[in-house]
Amino acid sequence: MSYSTADSLLPVTLDDVRGAQKMLSGVARVTALEGSRHLSQMVGAPVHLKCENLQRTGSFKLRGAYVRIAGLLPEERAAGVVAASAGNHAQGVALASALLGVRSTVFMPKGAPLPKVSATRDYGAEVRLHGQVVDETLAAAQEYAAETGAVFIHPFDHPDIIAGQGTVGLEILEQCPEARTIVVGIGGGGLAAGIAVSVKALRPDLRIIGVQAEGAAAYPPSLAAGRPVSVANPATMADGIKVGRPGDVPFGIVGELVDEVRTVSEDELSAALLLCLERAKLVVEPAGASPVAALLSRPGSFEGPVVAVLSGGNVDPVLMQRVLRHGMAAQGRYLAVRLRLTDRPGALATLLGVLSVVDANVLDVSHVRTDPRLGLTEAEVELHLETKGPAHCVEVGQALREAGYTVMG
């Protein structure tokens, strides 16, 4: 594939993306574009969800990985490929390699979720667990490449990867030609850069907004500095966009073609994941829900129709459980209270009766009788409750106090 044309200084062009689209025909799915009535009402304009969470391997990563590996020379294919990833890129490389008959080795952190490790192996890759964080895993993969001659497949910092991800943008224009805004999560920047290249070449008026997690937002300071800069210790539940430094290749494209980069909080990510599950009936990982989090954060600031790219759906069930509870708490639908009561027969039943009257659903009860902090006739109870929103939380607290209970937290 060519990386530039006479009329463009960008490392990836529309022709490159169109070539990638032909290459991916019959390999990557043309994922659905689903309307969301709930988000449309919030935003005040039509909102559509681009469901890359339903892509093969559960994310958009297959697109770029396949284009990159398919473009290797015969001698490079013979040497095999190597990648480092905690999940989505690993699976994309594994499946792309299997489809192309190329041997693949994938390094993953020792703490990578077991479902992602198993899926990567099932797609045909040799998985090696190394390091506690992705940076250590990445170093091990690059060392392996230097020792064996295997081609290192970077998750975002290569023109072929960006061209492959850009096919998402071409599909959006075909499925929603009237779109005015595309919202997409940004980690290293490969997906946002690819979409920007394909969309801006055909619809320069269409606005592209990137979204990062507040705890891993390397693009705002990088754009301000005019060069990629690192953020120390990036921290977010959205591991798919937990990248401490923008890629050199996508950074230049994002800086030139992406109109704005916003950040979202962990509470907003949790609420977005919960909304996707409840309202759209879609399982989406936190990184994939980041565009929806941006819509929730500032719903009146988007010109519609809006397309939000749900980039992936590979969420660990344990994390899903924690995030859903976090999202419910952020929406005032989950309440934890601790109180003391007299330790006598029927006291706990009386307490639960009070909660029943105000229609609070009890999820967990912790009942402690033996603790040096408690009086001889006291017991401490911690309750986890499912509620209907902030107003209902206030109602529950008021009912407990009126019944004579001292709520401690």
Protein backbone atom coordinates (compact mmCIF):
# COMPACT_ATOMS: atom_id res chain seq x y z
CA MET A 1 0.00 0.00 0.00
CA SER A 2 1.17 3.54 -0.69
CA TYR A 3 1.49 5.84 2.29
CA SER A 4 1.13 9.16 0.55
CA THR A 5 -0.08 10.76 -2.64
CA ALA A 6 0.98 13.85 -4.49
CA ASP A 7 -1.92 15.90 -3.15
CA SER A 8 -1.53 14.91 0.52
CA LEU A 9 1.24 15.04 3.11
CA LEU A 10 -0.59 12.66 5.42
CA PRO A 11 0.95 9.20 5.91
CA VAL A 12 -2.43 7.59 5.15
CA THR A 13 -4.80 8.62 2.37
CA LEU A 14 -8.35 7.90 1.27
CA ASP A 15 -6.97 5.61 -1.45
CA ASP A 16 -5.17 3.60 1.22
CA VAL A 17 -8.39 3.19 3.21
CA ARG A 18 -10.33 2.19 0.11
CA GLY A 19 -7.64 -0.38 -0.67
CA ALA A 20 -7.96 -1.70 2.87
CA GLN A 21 -11.73 -1.95 2.45
CA LYS A 22 -11.30 -4.17 -0.62
CA MET A 23 -8.75 -6.28 1.25
CA LEU A 24 -11.16 -6.75 4.18
CA SER A 25 -14.12 -7.78 2.02
CA GLY A 26 -15.32 -11.13 3.31
CA VAL A 27 -12.97 -10.90 6.31
CA ALA A 28 -14.32 -8.14 8.55
CA ARG A 29 -18.03 -7.70 9.08
CA VAL A 30 -19.83 -4.56 7.99
CA THR A 31 -21.13 -3.93 11.49
CA ALA A 32 -24.62 -2.64 12.19
CA LEU A 33 -25.56 0.98 12.76
CA GLU A 34 -28.31 1.03 15.39
CA GLY A 35 -30.45 4.00 16.32
CA SER A 36 -30.87 4.94 19.99
CA ARG A 37 -34.14 6.62 20.91
CA HIS A 38 -33.00 7.25 24.48
CA LEU A 39 -29.76 8.99 23.47
CA SER A 40 -31.52 10.86 20.68
CA GLN A 41 -33.95 12.34 23.20
CA MET A 42 -31.07 13.35 25.48
CA VAL A 43 -28.99 14.91 22.71
CA GLY A 44 -31.95 16.49 20.91
CA ALA A 45 -30.89 14.98 17.58
CA PRO A 46 -30.70 11.49 16.03
CA VAL A 47 -27.99 9.31 17.59
CA HIS A 48 -26.74 6.09 15.99
CA LEU A 49 -24.42 3.48 17.47
CA LYS A 50 -21.76 1.91 15.21
CA CYS A 51 -21.53 -1.58 16.69
CA GLU A 52 -17.89 -2.63 16.36
CA ASN A 53 -18.48 -4.56 19.58
CA LEU A 54 -20.18 -7.06 17.25
CA GLN A 55 -17.16 -7.30 14.94
CA ARG A 56 -15.27 -10.61 14.68
CA THR A 57 -13.04 -10.95 17.79
CA GLY A 58 -15.29 -8.41 19.51
CA SER A 59 -13.61 -5.20 18.38
CA PHE A 60 -12.41 -3.13 15.41
CA LYS A 61 -8.83 -4.35 15.88
CA LEU A 62 -9.17 -7.17 13.33
CA ARG A 63 -9.39 -4.60 10.54
CA GLY A 64 -5.99 -3.02 11.05
CA ALA A 65 -4.24 -6.23 12.04
CA TYR A 66 -5.40 -8.04 8.90
CA VAL A 67 -4.37 -5.21 6.57
CA ARG A 68 -0.96 -4.93 8.24
CA ILE A 69 -0.20 -8.67 8.08
CA ALA A 70 -1.62 -9.07 4.57
CA GLY A 71 0.80 -6.39 3.39
CA LEU A 72 3.91 -8.25 4.58
CA LEU A 73 6.42 -9.61 2.08
CA PRO A 74 6.61 -13.41 1.70
CA GLU A 75 9.87 -13.61 3.66
CA GLU A 76 8.33 -11.50 6.44
CA ARG A 77 5.31 -13.79 6.64
CA ALA A 78 7.61 -16.79 6.83
CA ALA A 79 9.29 -15.27 9.91
CA GLY A 80 5.96 -14.97 11.70
CA VAL A 81 4.51 -12.03 13.62
CA VAL A 82 4.52 -10.98 17.25
CA ALA A 83 2.29 -8.60 19.18
CA ALA A 84 1.74 -7.35 22.71
CA SER A 85 -1.71 -6.69 24.07
CA ALA A 86 -4.00 -7.12 27.06
CA GLY A 87 -6.89 -8.23 24.87
CA ASN A 88 -8.42 -6.74 21.73
CA HIS A 89 -5.29 -6.30 19.59
CA ALA A 90 -4.14 -9.76 20.69
CA GLN A 91 -7.30 -11.37 19.35
CA GLY A 92 -7.23 -9.32 16.16
CA VAL A 93 -3.64 -10.35 15.40
CA ALA A 94 -4.35 -13.98 16.27
CA LEU A 95 -7.34 -14.30 13.95
CA ALA A 96 -5.78 -12.26 11.12
CA SER A 97 -2.67 -14.44 11.26
CA ALA A 98 -4.72 -17.64 11.21
CA LEU A 99 -6.71 -16.45 8.21
CA LEU A 100 -3.51 -15.57 6.34
CA GLY A 101 -1.59 -18.70 7.35
CA VAL A 102 1.03 -16.79 9.35
CA ARG A 103 2.48 -18.00 12.65
CA SER A 104 1.70 -15.60 15.50
CA THR A 105 3.04 -15.13 19.01
CA VAL A 106 1.22 -12.80 21.38
CA PHE A 107 2.63 -11.51 24.65
CA MET A 108 0.02 -10.67 27.28
CA PRO A 109 0.37 -9.37 30.86
CA LYS A 110 0.22 -12.00 33.58
CA GLY A 111 -2.93 -10.37 34.94
CA ALA A 112 -4.80 -10.38 31.61
CA PRO A 113 -8.40 -11.62 32.00
CA LEU A 114 -8.64 -15.36 31.41
CA PRO A 115 -11.43 -15.08 28.79
CA LYS A 116 -9.17 -12.86 26.64
CA VAL A 117 -6.20 -15.18 27.04
CA SER A 118 -8.32 -18.20 26.12
CA ALA A 119 -9.86 -16.44 23.11
CA THR A 120 -6.44 -15.43 21.78
CA ARG A 121 -5.23 -19.05 22.03
CA ASP A 122 -8.43 -20.30 20.40
CA TYR A 123 -7.79 -18.03 17.41
CA GLY A 124 -4.48 -19.83 16.91
CA ALA A 125 -1.80 -17.68 18.54
CA GLU A 126 0.92 -18.88 20.87
CA VAL A 127 0.33 -16.87 24.04
CA ARG A 128 3.17 -15.94 26.36
CA LEU A 129 2.34 -14.30 29.68
CA HIS A 130 4.96 -11.74 30.68
CA GLY A 131 5.06 -8.71 32.93
CA GLN A 132 2.49 -7.08 35.15
CA VAL A 133 1.74 -4.06 32.93
CA VAL A 134 1.48 -3.62 29.17
CA ASP A 135 4.76 -1.65 28.95
CA GLU A 136 6.67 -4.70 30.27
CA THR A 137 4.76 -6.96 27.89
CA LEU A 138 5.52 -4.65 24.98
CA ALA A 139 9.24 -4.67 25.75
CA ALA A 140 9.24 -8.47 25.86
CA ALA A 141 7.48 -8.68 22.48
CA GLN A 142 9.94 -6.28 20.88
CA GLU A 143 12.87 -8.24 22.33
CA TYR A 144 11.36 -11.43 20.89
CA ALA A 145 11.06 -9.74 17.49
CA ALA A 146 14.71 -8.69 17.58
CA GLU A 147 15.86 -12.20 18.55
CA THR A 148 13.72 -14.22 16.12
CA GLY A 149 13.12 -11.91 13.17
CA ALA A 150 9.35 -12.02 13.69
CA VAL A 151 7.57 -8.86 12.52
CA PHE A 152 6.25 -6.76 15.37
CA ILE A 153 2.62 -5.73 14.75
CA HIS A 154 2.04 -2.46 16.58
CA PRO A 155 -1.52 -1.88 17.83
CA PHE A 156 -1.85 1.64 16.37
CA ASP A 157 1.42 3.23 15.22
CA HIS A 158 1.63 2.10 11.59
CA PRO A 159 0.01 3.41 8.38
CA ASP A 160 -1.45 0.02 7.42
CA ILE A 161 -3.09 -0.33 10.84
CA ILE A 162 -4.61 3.14 10.50
CA ALA A 163 -5.84 2.43 6.97
CA GLY A 164 -7.57 -0.74 8.17
CA GLN A 165 -9.28 1.06 11.04
CA GLY A 166 -10.33 3.81 8.63
CA THR A 167 -12.73 1.41 6.94
CA VAL A 168 -15.06 2.04 9.90
CA GLY A 169 -15.38 5.62 8.65
CA LEU A 170 -16.27 4.54 5.10
CA GLU A 171 -19.00 2.27 6.47
CA ILE A 172 -20.43 5.08 8.58
CA LEU A 173 -20.70 7.36 5.54
CA GLU A 174 -22.43 4.59 3.58
CA GLN A 175 -24.84 3.75 6.41
CA CYS A 176 -25.54 7.31 7.58
CA PRO A 177 -24.67 9.78 4.79
CA GLU A 178 -26.51 12.56 6.64
CA ALA A 179 -24.25 12.30 9.73
CA ARG A 180 -22.92 15.58 11.09
CA THR A 181 -20.79 14.34 14.01
CA ILE A 182 -18.80 11.19 14.73
CA VAL A 183 -17.70 10.50 18.30
CA VAL A 184 -14.92 7.96 18.82
CA GLY A 185 -12.73 6.83 21.71
CA ILE A 186 -8.98 7.50 21.53
CA GLY A 187 -6.18 5.47 23.07
CA GLY A 188 -3.08 5.50 20.89
CA GLY A 189 -5.14 7.11 18.14
CA GLY A 190 -5.26 4.53 15.34
CA LEU A 191 -9.05 4.27 15.08
CA ALA A 192 -9.68 8.01 15.34
CA ALA A 193 -6.94 8.76 12.81
CA GLY A 194 -8.25 6.20 10.32
CA ILE A 195 -11.82 7.44 10.60
CA ALA A 196 -10.64 11.03 10.23
CA VAL A 197 -8.69 10.27 7.05
CA SER A 198 -11.59 8.53 5.32
CA VAL A 199 -14.35 10.85 6.52
CA LYS A 200 -12.65 14.23 6.10
CA ALA A 201 -11.60 13.38 2.54
CA LEU A 202 -15.24 12.86 1.57
CA ARG A 203 -17.07 15.05 4.09
CA PRO A 204 -14.79 17.83 5.37
CA ASP A 205 -17.82 19.46 7.02
CA LEU A 206 -18.44 16.45 9.26
CA ARG A 207 -17.22 17.03 12.82
CA ILE A 208 -15.07 14.37 14.52
CA ILE A 209 -14.79 14.35 18.31
CA GLY A 210 -12.32 12.09 20.10
CA VAL A 211 -12.86 10.89 23.67
CA GLN A 212 -10.31 9.93 26.29
CA ALA A 213 -10.61 8.77 29.89
CA GLU A 214 -9.58 11.49 32.34
CA GLY A 215 -7.00 9.24 33.99
CA ALA A 216 -5.30 8.35 30.69
CA ALA A 217 -5.68 11.50 28.63
CA ALA A 218 -2.39 11.93 26.77
CA TYR A 219 -3.82 13.69 23.71
CA PRO A 220 -4.87 17.06 25.22
CA PRO A 221 -1.38 17.87 26.58
CA SER A 222 0.23 16.42 23.46
CA LEU A 223 -1.88 18.56 21.15
CA ALA A 224 -1.11 21.60 23.29
CA ALA A 225 2.62 20.85 23.07
CA GLY A 226 2.51 20.06 19.37
CA ARG A 227 4.19 16.68 19.88
CA PRO A 228 3.39 13.37 21.59
CA VAL A 229 4.03 13.57 25.33
CA SER A 230 3.56 10.88 27.95
CA VAL A 231 1.29 10.88 30.98
CA ALA A 232 2.67 9.14 34.03
CA ASN A 233 0.81 6.11 35.39
CA PRO A 234 -2.35 6.20 33.23
CA ALA A 235 -5.24 4.80 35.24
CA THR A 236 -8.74 3.96 34.04
CA MET A 237 -11.14 1.04 33.90
CA ALA A 238 -11.20 1.54 30.11
CA ASP A 239 -8.15 -0.60 29.33
CA GLY A 240 -8.81 -0.35 25.59
CA ILE A 241 -7.87 3.35 25.64
CA LYS A 242 -5.42 3.19 28.55
CA VAL A 243 -2.41 4.42 26.59
CA GLY A 244 0.19 6.70 28.14
CA ARG A 245 1.52 8.25 24.92
CA PRO A 246 -0.03 8.91 21.49
CA GLY A 247 1.42 7.03 18.54
CA ASP A 248 3.70 9.14 16.35
CA VAL A 249 1.86 8.28 13.12
CA PRO A 250 -1.73 8.76 14.34
CA PHE A 251 -0.82 11.87 16.37
CA GLY A 252 -0.12 13.96 13.26
CA ILE A 253 -3.39 12.86 11.66
CA VAL A 254 -5.46 13.46 14.78
CA GLY A 255 -3.88 16.89 15.24
CA GLU A 256 -4.75 17.89 11.68
CA LEU A 257 -8.14 16.27 11.14
CA VAL A 258 -9.89 15.59 14.47
CA ASP A 259 -11.89 18.65 15.51
CA GLU A 260 -11.86 18.19 19.27
CA VAL A 261 -10.71 15.79 22.00
CA ARG A 262 -12.77 15.56 25.19
CA THR A 263 -12.30 13.62 28.42
CA VAL A 264 -14.81 11.65 30.49
CA SER A 265 -14.78 10.50 34.11
CA GLU A 266 -14.91 6.97 35.48
CA ASP A 267 -18.47 7.63 36.71
CA GLU A 268 -19.49 8.68 33.19
CA LEU A 269 -17.88 5.57 31.70
CA SER A 270 -19.76 3.36 34.17
CA ALA A 271 -23.06 5.09 33.44
CA ALA A 272 -22.46 4.75 29.69
CA LEU A 273 -21.75 1.02 29.93
CA LEU A 274 -24.90 0.56 31.99
CA LEU A 275 -26.95 2.55 29.48
CA CYS A 276 -25.67 0.47 26.55
CA LEU A 277 -26.64 -2.70 28.38
CA GLU A 278 -30.05 -1.57 29.61
CA ARG A 279 -31.27 0.62 26.76
CA ALA A 280 -29.49 -0.70 23.67
CA LYS A 281 -29.16 -4.33 24.85
CA LEU A 282 -25.49 -4.24 23.83
CA VAL A 283 -22.53 -5.59 25.81
CA VAL A 284 -19.82 -2.94 25.48
CA GLU A 285 -16.48 -2.64 27.24
CA PRO A 286 -15.65 0.64 29.03
CA ALA A 287 -13.42 1.90 26.20
CA GLY A 288 -16.15 1.13 23.69
CA ALA A 289 -18.66 3.05 25.79
CA SER A 290 -16.49 6.20 25.97
CA PRO A 291 -18.32 7.99 23.10
CA VAL A 292 -21.63 7.37 24.90
CA ALA A 293 -20.05 8.74 28.08
CA ALA A 294 -19.22 11.92 26.17
CA LEU A 295 -22.84 12.19 25.03
CA LEU A 296 -24.02 11.80 28.63
CA SER A 297 -21.50 14.37 29.84
CA ARG A 298 -22.54 17.22 27.52
CA PRO A 299 -25.63 16.09 25.61
CA GLY A 300 -26.51 19.50 24.21
CA SER A 301 -23.13 20.11 22.57
CA PHE A 302 -23.42 17.78 19.56
CA GLU A 303 -24.78 18.58 16.11
CA GLY A 304 -26.86 15.70 14.82
CA PRO A 305 -27.22 13.22 13.40
CA VAL A 306 -24.50 11.80 15.66
CA VAL A 307 -22.71 8.47 15.23
CA ALA A 308 -21.05 7.04 18.36
CA VAL A 309 -18.51 4.30 17.63
CA LEU A 310 -18.80 1.39 20.09
CA SER A 311 -15.27 0.16 19.46
CA GLY A 312 -15.35 -3.12 21.42
CA GLY A 313 -17.30 -5.50 23.60
CA ASN A 314 -14.60 -7.66 25.20
CA VAL A 315 -15.31 -7.01 28.85
CA ASP A 316 -14.23 -9.37 31.61
CA PRO A 317 -17.32 -10.63 33.52
CA VAL A 318 -15.75 -9.73 36.88
CA LEU A 319 -15.05 -6.19 35.69
CA MET A 320 -18.54 -5.99 34.21
CA GLN A 321 -20.06 -6.77 37.59
CA ARG A 322 -17.95 -4.10 39.30
CA VAL A 323 -18.58 -1.50 36.61
CA LEU A 324 -22.33 -2.08 36.62
CA ARG A 325 -22.46 -1.54 40.36
CA HIS A 326 -20.30 1.56 39.98
CA GLY A 327 -22.60 2.82 37.23
CA MET A 328 -25.67 2.21 39.35
CA ALA A 329 -24.06 4.08 42.24
CA ALA A 330 -23.14 6.98 39.95
CA GLN A 331 -26.80 7.21 38.89
CA GLY A 332 -28.03 7.05 42.49
CA ARG A 333 -29.43 3.56 41.97
CA TYR A 334 -27.15 1.78 44.40
CA LEU A 335 -26.89 2.75 48.05
CA ALA A 336 -24.66 1.38 50.83
CA VAL A 337 -25.71 2.27 54.40
CA ARG A 338 -24.30 1.27 57.77
CA LEU A 339 -26.26 1.57 61.00
CA ARG A 340 -26.55 0.20 64.52
CA LEU A 341 -29.55 -1.40 66.12
CA THR A 342 -30.45 -3.18 69.33
CA ASP A 343 -29.41 -6.82 69.20
CA ARG A 344 -32.64 -8.63 69.95
CA PRO A 345 -34.72 -11.25 68.11
CA GLY A 346 -36.64 -9.73 65.20
CA ALA A 347 -34.58 -6.51 65.04
CA LEU A 348 -33.20 -7.26 61.59
CA ALA A 349 -36.65 -8.26 60.31
CA THR A 350 -38.04 -4.95 61.59
CA LEU A 351 -35.30 -3.05 59.76
CA LEU A 352 -35.98 -4.93 56.52
CA GLY A 353 -39.66 -4.15 56.95
CA VAL A 354 -38.87 -0.41 56.95
CA LEU A 355 -36.95 -0.83 53.71
CA SER A 356 -39.77 -2.85 52.19
CA VAL A 357 -42.24 -0.02 52.82
CA VAL A 358 -40.07 2.43 50.84
CA ASP A 359 -39.53 -0.17 48.08
CA ALA A 360 -35.73 -0.47 48.44
CA ASN A 361 -34.37 -3.76 47.12
CA VAL A 362 -31.83 -5.37 49.48
CA LEU A 363 -28.86 -6.87 47.61
CA ASP A 364 -26.55 -7.75 50.51
CA VAL A 365 -26.71 -7.72 54.31
CA SER A 366 -23.71 -7.85 56.64
CA HIS A 367 -24.70 -8.38 60.30
CA VAL A 368 -21.95 -7.95 62.97
CA ARG A 369 -22.58 -8.73 66.64
CA THR A 370 -19.07 -9.22 68.02
CA ASP A 371 -16.88 -6.13 67.72
CA PRO A 372 -15.07 -4.16 70.44
CA ARG A 373 -16.68 -0.96 69.11
CA LEU A 374 -20.18 -2.26 69.85
CA GLY A 375 -22.05 -2.11 73.11
CA LEU A 376 -23.21 -5.26 74.84
CA THR A 377 -26.71 -5.05 73.35
CA GLU A 378 -25.76 -3.53 69.97
CA ALA A 379 -25.33 -4.97 66.48
CA GLU A 380 -24.03 -3.28 63.36
CA VAL A 381 -25.65 -3.83 59.99
CA GLU A 382 -24.31 -2.86 56.57
CA LEU A 383 -26.84 -2.93 53.74
CA HIS A 384 -26.33 -2.71 49.98
CA LEU A 385 -29.53 -1.51 48.37
CA GLU A 386 -30.81 -1.12 44.83
CA THR A 387 -32.73 2.16 44.56
CA LYS A 388 -34.54 4.13 41.86
CA GLY A 389 -32.38 7.22 41.76
CA PRO A 390 -31.06 10.09 43.92
CA ALA A 391 -34.51 11.13 45.16
CA HIS A 392 -35.26 7.58 46.24
CA CYS A 393 -31.91 7.41 48.12
CA VAL A 394 -32.96 10.48 50.10
CA GLU A 395 -36.34 8.88 50.80
CA VAL A 396 -34.69 5.69 52.09
CA GLY A 397 -32.39 7.61 54.43
CA GLN A 398 -35.26 9.69 55.76
CA ALA A 399 -37.39 6.58 56.40
CA LEU A 400 -34.59 4.95 58.38
CA ARG A 401 -34.05 8.03 60.52
CA GLU A 402 -37.77 8.43 61.16
CA ALA A 403 -37.85 4.80 62.31
CA GLY A 404 -35.23 5.65 64.92
CA TYR A 405 -32.11 4.32 63.26
CA THR A 406 -28.82 6.23 63.25
CA VAL A 407 -27.39 6.01 59.73
CA MET A 408 -23.59 6.00 59.91
CA GLY A 409 -22.74 5.97 56.23
